[in-house]
PDB file of all heavy atoms in Angstrom:
ATOM      1  N   ILE A   1     -40.853   0.862  30.332  1.00  0.00           N
ATOM      2  CA  ILE A   1     -40.813  -0.587  30.493  1.00  0.00           C
ATOM      3  C   ILE A   1     -40.139  -1.236  29.294  1.00  0.00           C
ATOM      4  O   ILE A   1     -39.475  -2.263  29.424  1.00  0.00           O
ATOM      5  CB  ILE A   1     -42.252  -1.123  30.687  1.00  0.00           C
ATOM      6  CG1 ILE A   1     -42.896  -0.504  31.921  1.00  0.00           C
ATOM      7  CG2 ILE A   1     -42.245  -2.644  30.785  1.00  0.00           C
ATOM      8  CD1 ILE A   1     -42.126  -0.743  33.200  1.00  0.00           C
ATOM      9  N   ALA A   2     -40.312  -0.626  28.106  1.00  0.00           N
ATOM     10  CA  ALA A   2     -39.715  -1.187  26.894  1.00  0.00           C
ATOM     11  C   ALA A   2     -38.193  -1.166  26.974  1.00  0.00           C
ATOM     12  O   ALA A   2     -37.512  -1.882  26.274  1.00  0.00           O
ATOM     13  CB  ALA A   2     -40.188  -0.422  25.677  1.00  0.00           C
ATOM     14  N   GLN A   3     -37.613  -0.305  27.824  1.00  0.00           N
ATOM     15  CA  GLN A   3     -36.169  -0.223  27.973  1.00  0.00           C
ATOM     16  C   GLN A   3     -35.566  -1.272  28.897  1.00  0.00           C
ATOM     17  O   GLN A   3     -34.359  -1.375  29.022  1.00  0.00           O
ATOM     18  CB  GLN A   3     -35.755   1.192  28.445  1.00  0.00           C
ATOM     19  CG  GLN A   3     -36.094   2.310  27.523  1.00  0.00           C
ATOM     20  CD  GLN A   3     -35.607   3.632  28.038  1.00  0.00           C
ATOM     21  OE1 GLN A   3     -34.542   3.738  28.657  1.00  0.00           O
ATOM     22  NE2 GLN A   3     -36.345   4.689  27.759  1.00  0.00           N
ATOM     23  N   ALA A   4     -36.438  -1.999  29.593  1.00  0.00           N
ATOM     24  CA  ALA A   4     -35.946  -2.974  30.570  1.00  0.00           C
ATOM     25  C   ALA A   4     -35.281  -4.153  29.872  1.00  0.00           C
ATOM     26  O   ALA A   4     -35.690  -4.578  28.771  1.00  0.00           O
ATOM     27  CB  ALA A   4     -37.104  -3.475  31.419  1.00  0.00           C
ATOM     28  N   ASP A   5     -34.246  -4.682  30.462  1.00  0.00           N
ATOM     29  CA  ASP A   5     -33.512  -5.822  29.926  1.00  0.00           C
ATOM     30  C   ASP A   5     -34.006  -7.102  30.579  1.00  0.00           C
ATOM     31  O   ASP A   5     -34.110  -7.156  31.818  1.00  0.00           O
ATOM     32  CB  ASP A   5     -32.015  -5.675  30.168  1.00  0.00           C
ATOM     33  CG  ASP A   5     -31.464  -4.435  29.482  1.00  0.00           C
ATOM     34  OD1 ASP A   5     -31.907  -4.133  28.368  1.00  0.00           O
ATOM     35  OD2 ASP A   5     -30.579  -3.770  30.076  1.00  0.00           O
ATOM     36  N   GLU A   6     -34.263  -8.143  29.766  1.00  0.00           N
ATOM     37  CA  GLU A   6     -34.686  -9.431  30.321  1.00  0.00           C
ATOM     38  C   GLU A   6     -33.448 -10.307  30.435  1.00  0.00           C
ATOM     39  O   GLU A   6     -32.670 -10.448  29.490  1.00  0.00           O
ATOM     40  CB  GLU A   6     -35.745 -10.087  29.429  1.00  0.00           C
ATOM     41  CG  GLU A   6     -36.285 -11.362  30.017  1.00  0.00           C
ATOM     42  CD  GLU A   6     -37.499 -11.883  29.257  1.00  0.00           C
ATOM     43  OE1 GLU A   6     -38.063 -11.111  28.439  1.00  0.00           O
ATOM     44  OE2 GLU A   6     -37.914 -13.012  29.493  1.00  0.00           O
ATOM     45  N   VAL A   7     -33.285 -10.965  31.594  1.00  0.00           N
ATOM     46  CA  VAL A   7     -32.137 -11.808  31.876  1.00  0.00           C
ATOM     47  C   VAL A   7     -32.617 -13.222  32.187  1.00  0.00           C
ATOM     48  O   VAL A   7     -33.429 -13.406  33.121  1.00  0.00           O
ATOM     49  CB  VAL A   7     -31.300 -11.243  33.043  1.00  0.00           C
ATOM     50  CG1 VAL A   7     -30.097 -12.150  33.308  1.00  0.00           C
ATOM     51  CG2 VAL A   7     -30.867  -9.827  32.740  1.00  0.00           C
ATOM     52  N   ASP A   8     -32.123 -14.176  31.443  1.00  0.00           N
ATOM     53  CA  ASP A   8     -32.381 -15.611  31.739  1.00  0.00           C
ATOM     54  C   ASP A   8     -33.889 -15.944  31.752  1.00  0.00           C
ATOM     55  O   ASP A   8     -34.299 -16.883  32.427  1.00  0.00           O
ATOM     56  CB  ASP A   8     -31.744 -15.959  33.095  1.00  0.00           C
ATOM     57  CG  ASP A   8     -31.607 -17.480  33.252  1.00  0.00           C
ATOM     58  OD1 ASP A   8     -31.515 -18.165  32.232  1.00  0.00           O
ATOM     59  OD2 ASP A   8     -31.586 -17.955  34.414  1.00  0.00           O
ATOM     60  N   SER A   9     -34.681 -15.141  31.048  1.00  0.00           N
ATOM     61  CA  SER A   9     -36.126 -15.350  30.971  1.00  0.00           C
ATOM     62  C   SER A   9     -36.809 -15.323  32.328  1.00  0.00           C
ATOM     63  O   SER A   9     -37.961 -15.729  32.475  1.00  0.00           O
ATOM     64  CB  SER A   9     -36.455 -16.683  30.284  1.00  0.00           C
ATOM     65  OG  SER A   9     -35.941 -16.716  28.972  1.00  0.00           O
ATOM     66  N   ARG A  10     -36.096 -14.800  33.355  1.00  0.00           N
ATOM     67  CA  ARG A  10     -36.654 -14.763  34.731  1.00  0.00           C
ATOM     68  C   ARG A  10     -36.660 -13.380  35.333  1.00  0.00           C
ATOM     69  O   ARG A  10     -37.431 -13.118  36.252  1.00  0.00           O
ATOM     70  CB  ARG A  10     -35.859 -15.724  35.638  1.00  0.00           C
ATOM     71  CG  ARG A  10     -35.992 -17.187  35.265  1.00  0.00           C
ATOM     72  CD  ARG A  10     -35.246 -18.037  36.277  1.00  0.00           C
ATOM     73  NE  ARG A  10     -35.737 -17.822  37.627  1.00  0.00           N
ATOM     74  CZ  ARG A  10     -35.001 -17.437  38.655  1.00  0.00           C
ATOM     75  NH1 ARG A  10     -33.698 -17.217  38.476  1.00  0.00           N
ATOM     76  NH2 ARG A  10     -35.526 -17.291  39.849  1.00  0.00           N
ATOM     77  N   PHE A  11     -35.757 -12.508  34.873  1.00  0.00           N
ATOM     78  CA  PHE A  11     -35.580 -11.193  35.497  1.00  0.00           C
ATOM     79  C   PHE A  11     -35.824 -10.083  34.495  1.00  0.00           C
ATOM     80  O   PHE A  11     -35.502 -10.230  33.312  1.00  0.00           O
ATOM     81  CB  PHE A  11     -34.172 -11.047  36.090  1.00  0.00           C
ATOM     82  CG  PHE A  11     -33.774 -12.159  37.015  1.00  0.00           C
ATOM     83  CD1 PHE A  11     -32.867 -13.106  36.624  1.00  0.00           C
ATOM     84  CD2 PHE A  11     -34.293 -12.236  38.303  1.00  0.00           C
ATOM     85  CE1 PHE A  11     -32.469 -14.127  37.459  1.00  0.00           C
ATOM     86  CE2 PHE A  11     -33.918 -13.258  39.152  1.00  0.00           C
ATOM     87  CZ  PHE A  11     -33.023 -14.214  38.745  1.00  0.00           C
ATOM     88  N   LEU A  12     -36.364  -8.996  35.002  1.00  0.00           N
ATOM     89  CA  LEU A  12     -36.436  -7.733  34.253  1.00  0.00           C
ATOM     90  C   LEU A  12     -35.727  -6.644  35.094  1.00  0.00           C
ATOM     91  O   LEU A  12     -36.014  -6.529  36.284  1.00  0.00           O
ATOM     92  CB  LEU A  12     -37.879  -7.318  33.993  1.00  0.00           C
ATOM     93  CG  LEU A  12     -38.567  -7.873  32.752  1.00  0.00           C
ATOM     94  CD1 LEU A  12     -39.996  -7.380  32.654  1.00  0.00           C
ATOM     95  CD2 LEU A  12     -37.803  -7.493  31.463  1.00  0.00           C
ATOM     96  N   GLN A  13     -34.829  -5.913  34.459  1.00  0.00           N
ATOM     97  CA  GLN A  13     -34.096  -4.898  35.172  1.00  0.00           C
ATOM     98  C   GLN A  13     -33.689  -3.793  34.201  1.00  0.00           C
ATOM     99  O   GLN A  13     -33.684  -4.000  32.974  1.00  0.00           O
ATOM    100  CB  GLN A  13     -32.858  -5.471  35.846  1.00  0.00           C
ATOM    101  CG  GLN A  13     -31.810  -5.948  34.842  1.00  0.00           C
ATOM    102  CD  GLN A  13     -30.610  -6.596  35.476  1.00  0.00           C
ATOM    103  OE1 GLN A  13     -30.667  -7.750  35.873  1.00  0.00           O
ATOM    104  NE2 GLN A  13     -29.545  -5.825  35.600  1.00  0.00           N
ATOM    105  N   PHE A  14     -33.330  -2.651  34.745  1.00  0.00           N
ATOM    106  CA  PHE A  14     -32.819  -1.531  33.927  1.00  0.00           C
ATOM    107  C   PHE A  14     -31.315  -1.424  34.121  1.00  0.00           C
ATOM    108  O   PHE A  14     -30.789  -1.758  35.189  1.00  0.00           O
ATOM    109  CB  PHE A  14     -33.514  -0.243  34.310  1.00  0.00           C
ATOM    110  CG  PHE A  14     -34.970  -0.178  33.935  1.00  0.00           C
ATOM    111  CD1 PHE A  14     -35.947  -0.438  34.885  1.00  0.00           C
ATOM    112  CD2 PHE A  14     -35.352   0.110  32.647  1.00  0.00           C
ATOM    113  CE1 PHE A  14     -37.266  -0.407  34.532  1.00  0.00           C
ATOM    114  CE2 PHE A  14     -36.694   0.170  32.273  1.00  0.00           C
ATOM    115  CZ  PHE A  14     -37.659  -0.100  33.223  1.00  0.00           C
ATOM    116  N   GLU A  15     -30.683  -0.939  33.079  1.00  0.00           N
ATOM    117  CA  GLU A  15     -29.235  -0.703  33.158  1.00  0.00           C
ATOM    118  C   GLU A  15     -28.977   0.331  34.271  1.00  0.00           C
ATOM    119  O   GLU A  15     -29.587   1.403  34.284  1.00  0.00           O
ATOM    120  CB  GLU A  15     -28.718  -0.192  31.842  1.00  0.00           C
ATOM    121  CG  GLU A  15     -27.212  -0.008  31.797  1.00  0.00           C
ATOM    122  CD  GLU A  15     -26.694   0.446  30.447  1.00  0.00           C
ATOM    123  OE1 GLU A  15     -27.537   0.542  29.496  1.00  0.00           O
ATOM    124  OE2 GLU A  15     -25.487   0.689  30.317  1.00  0.00           O
ATOM    125  N   GLY A  16     -28.102   0.009  35.162  1.00  0.00           N
ATOM    126  CA  GLY A  16     -27.850   0.858  36.281  1.00  0.00           C
ATOM    127  C   GLY A  16     -28.085   0.187  37.612  1.00  0.00           C
ATOM    128  O   GLY A  16     -27.682   0.680  38.666  1.00  0.00           O
ATOM    129  N   GLY A  17     -28.802  -0.942  37.585  1.00  0.00           N
ATOM    130  CA  GLY A  17     -28.921  -1.739  38.787  1.00  0.00           C
ATOM    131  C   GLY A  17     -30.183  -1.494  39.596  1.00  0.00           C
ATOM    132  O   GLY A  17     -31.203  -1.004  39.127  1.00  0.00           O
ATOM    133  N   LEU A  18     -30.074  -1.827  40.887  1.00  0.00           N
ATOM    134  CA  LEU A  18     -31.204  -1.858  41.782  1.00  0.00           C
ATOM    135  C   LEU A  18     -31.863  -0.486  41.941  1.00  0.00           C
ATOM    136  O   LEU A  18     -33.099  -0.355  41.848  1.00  0.00           O
ATOM    137  CB  LEU A  18     -30.733  -2.398  43.155  1.00  0.00           C
ATOM    138  CG  LEU A  18     -31.762  -2.323  44.287  1.00  0.00           C
ATOM    139  CD1 LEU A  18     -32.994  -3.150  43.934  1.00  0.00           C
ATOM    140  CD2 LEU A  18     -31.130  -2.797  45.593  1.00  0.00           C
ATOM    141  N   SER A  19     -31.086   0.555  42.191  1.00  0.00           N
ATOM    142  CA  SER A  19     -31.653   1.870  42.506  1.00  0.00           C
ATOM    143  C   SER A  19     -32.487   2.401  41.352  1.00  0.00           C
ATOM    144  O   SER A  19     -33.612   2.886  41.537  1.00  0.00           O
ATOM    145  CB  SER A  19     -30.546   2.857  42.873  1.00  0.00           C
ATOM    146  OG  SER A  19     -29.899   2.461  44.061  1.00  0.00           O
ATOM    147  N   ILE A  20     -31.939   2.319  40.104  1.00  0.00           N
ATOM    148  CA  ILE A  20     -32.657   2.851  38.955  1.00  0.00           C
ATOM    149  C   ILE A  20     -33.896   1.985  38.659  1.00  0.00           C
ATOM    150  O   ILE A  20     -34.981   2.530  38.348  1.00  0.00           O
ATOM    151  CB  ILE A  20     -31.737   2.918  37.738  1.00  0.00           C
ATOM    152  CG1 ILE A  20     -30.655   3.982  37.990  1.00  0.00           C
ATOM    153  CG2 ILE A  20     -32.521   3.219  36.454  1.00  0.00           C
ATOM    154  CD1 ILE A  20     -29.673   4.126  36.841  1.00  0.00           C
ATOM    155  N   THR A  21     -33.749   0.651  38.750  1.00  0.00           N
ATOM    156  CA  THR A  21     -34.894  -0.205  38.500  1.00  0.00           C
ATOM    157  C   THR A  21     -36.018   0.066  39.507  1.00  0.00           C
ATOM    158  O   THR A  21     -37.210   0.144  39.132  1.00  0.00           O
ATOM    159  CB  THR A  21     -34.454  -1.669  38.551  1.00  0.00           C
ATOM    160  OG1 THR A  21     -33.369  -1.895  37.660  1.00  0.00           O
ATOM    161  CG2 THR A  21     -35.595  -2.600  38.143  1.00  0.00           C
ATOM    162  N   ALA A  22     -35.653   0.181  40.783  1.00  0.00           N
ATOM    163  CA  ALA A  22     -36.657   0.475  41.806  1.00  0.00           C
ATOM    164  C   ALA A  22     -37.300   1.842  41.575  1.00  0.00           C
ATOM    165  O   ALA A  22     -38.498   2.029  41.773  1.00  0.00           O
ATOM    166  CB  ALA A  22     -36.036   0.377  43.184  1.00  0.00           C
ATOM    167  N   LEU A  23     -36.476   2.829  41.164  1.00  0.00           N
ATOM    168  CA  LEU A  23     -36.991   4.175  40.904  1.00  0.00           C
ATOM    169  C   LEU A  23     -38.055   4.139  39.833  1.00  0.00           C
ATOM    170  O   LEU A  23     -39.134   4.781  39.978  1.00  0.00           O
ATOM    171  CB  LEU A  23     -35.859   5.108  40.540  1.00  0.00           C
ATOM    172  CG  LEU A  23     -36.235   6.575  40.238  1.00  0.00           C
ATOM    173  CD1 LEU A  23     -36.534   7.291  41.535  1.00  0.00           C
ATOM    174  CD2 LEU A  23     -35.117   7.280  39.474  1.00  0.00           C
ATOM    175  N   VAL A  24     -37.796   3.479  38.722  1.00  0.00           N
ATOM    176  CA  VAL A  24     -38.744   3.444  37.599  1.00  0.00           C
ATOM    177  C   VAL A  24     -40.003   2.675  37.973  1.00  0.00           C
ATOM    178  O   VAL A  24     -41.113   3.142  37.712  1.00  0.00           O
ATOM    179  CB  VAL A  24     -38.073   2.823  36.366  1.00  0.00           C
ATOM    180  CG1 VAL A  24     -39.098   2.710  35.208  1.00  0.00           C
ATOM    181  CG2 VAL A  24     -36.889   3.663  35.911  1.00  0.00           C
ATOM    182  N   VAL A  25     -39.843   1.468  38.566  1.00  0.00           N
ATOM    183  CA  VAL A  25     -41.012   0.653  38.866  1.00  0.00           C
ATOM    184  C   VAL A  25     -41.874   1.299  39.956  1.00  0.00           C
ATOM    185  O   VAL A  25     -43.102   1.359  39.851  1.00  0.00           O
ATOM    186  CB  VAL A  25     -40.577  -0.770  39.265  1.00  0.00           C
ATOM    187  CG1 VAL A  25     -41.780  -1.614  39.620  1.00  0.00           C
ATOM    188  CG2 VAL A  25     -39.799  -1.423  38.124  1.00  0.00           C
TER     189      VAL A  25
END
């Protein structure tokens, strides 16, 4: 979770997009 990037104070995501973020979460 510490590797997640915060965007616009509204989103958390991982580098690599939807598939990697969904895989981790």
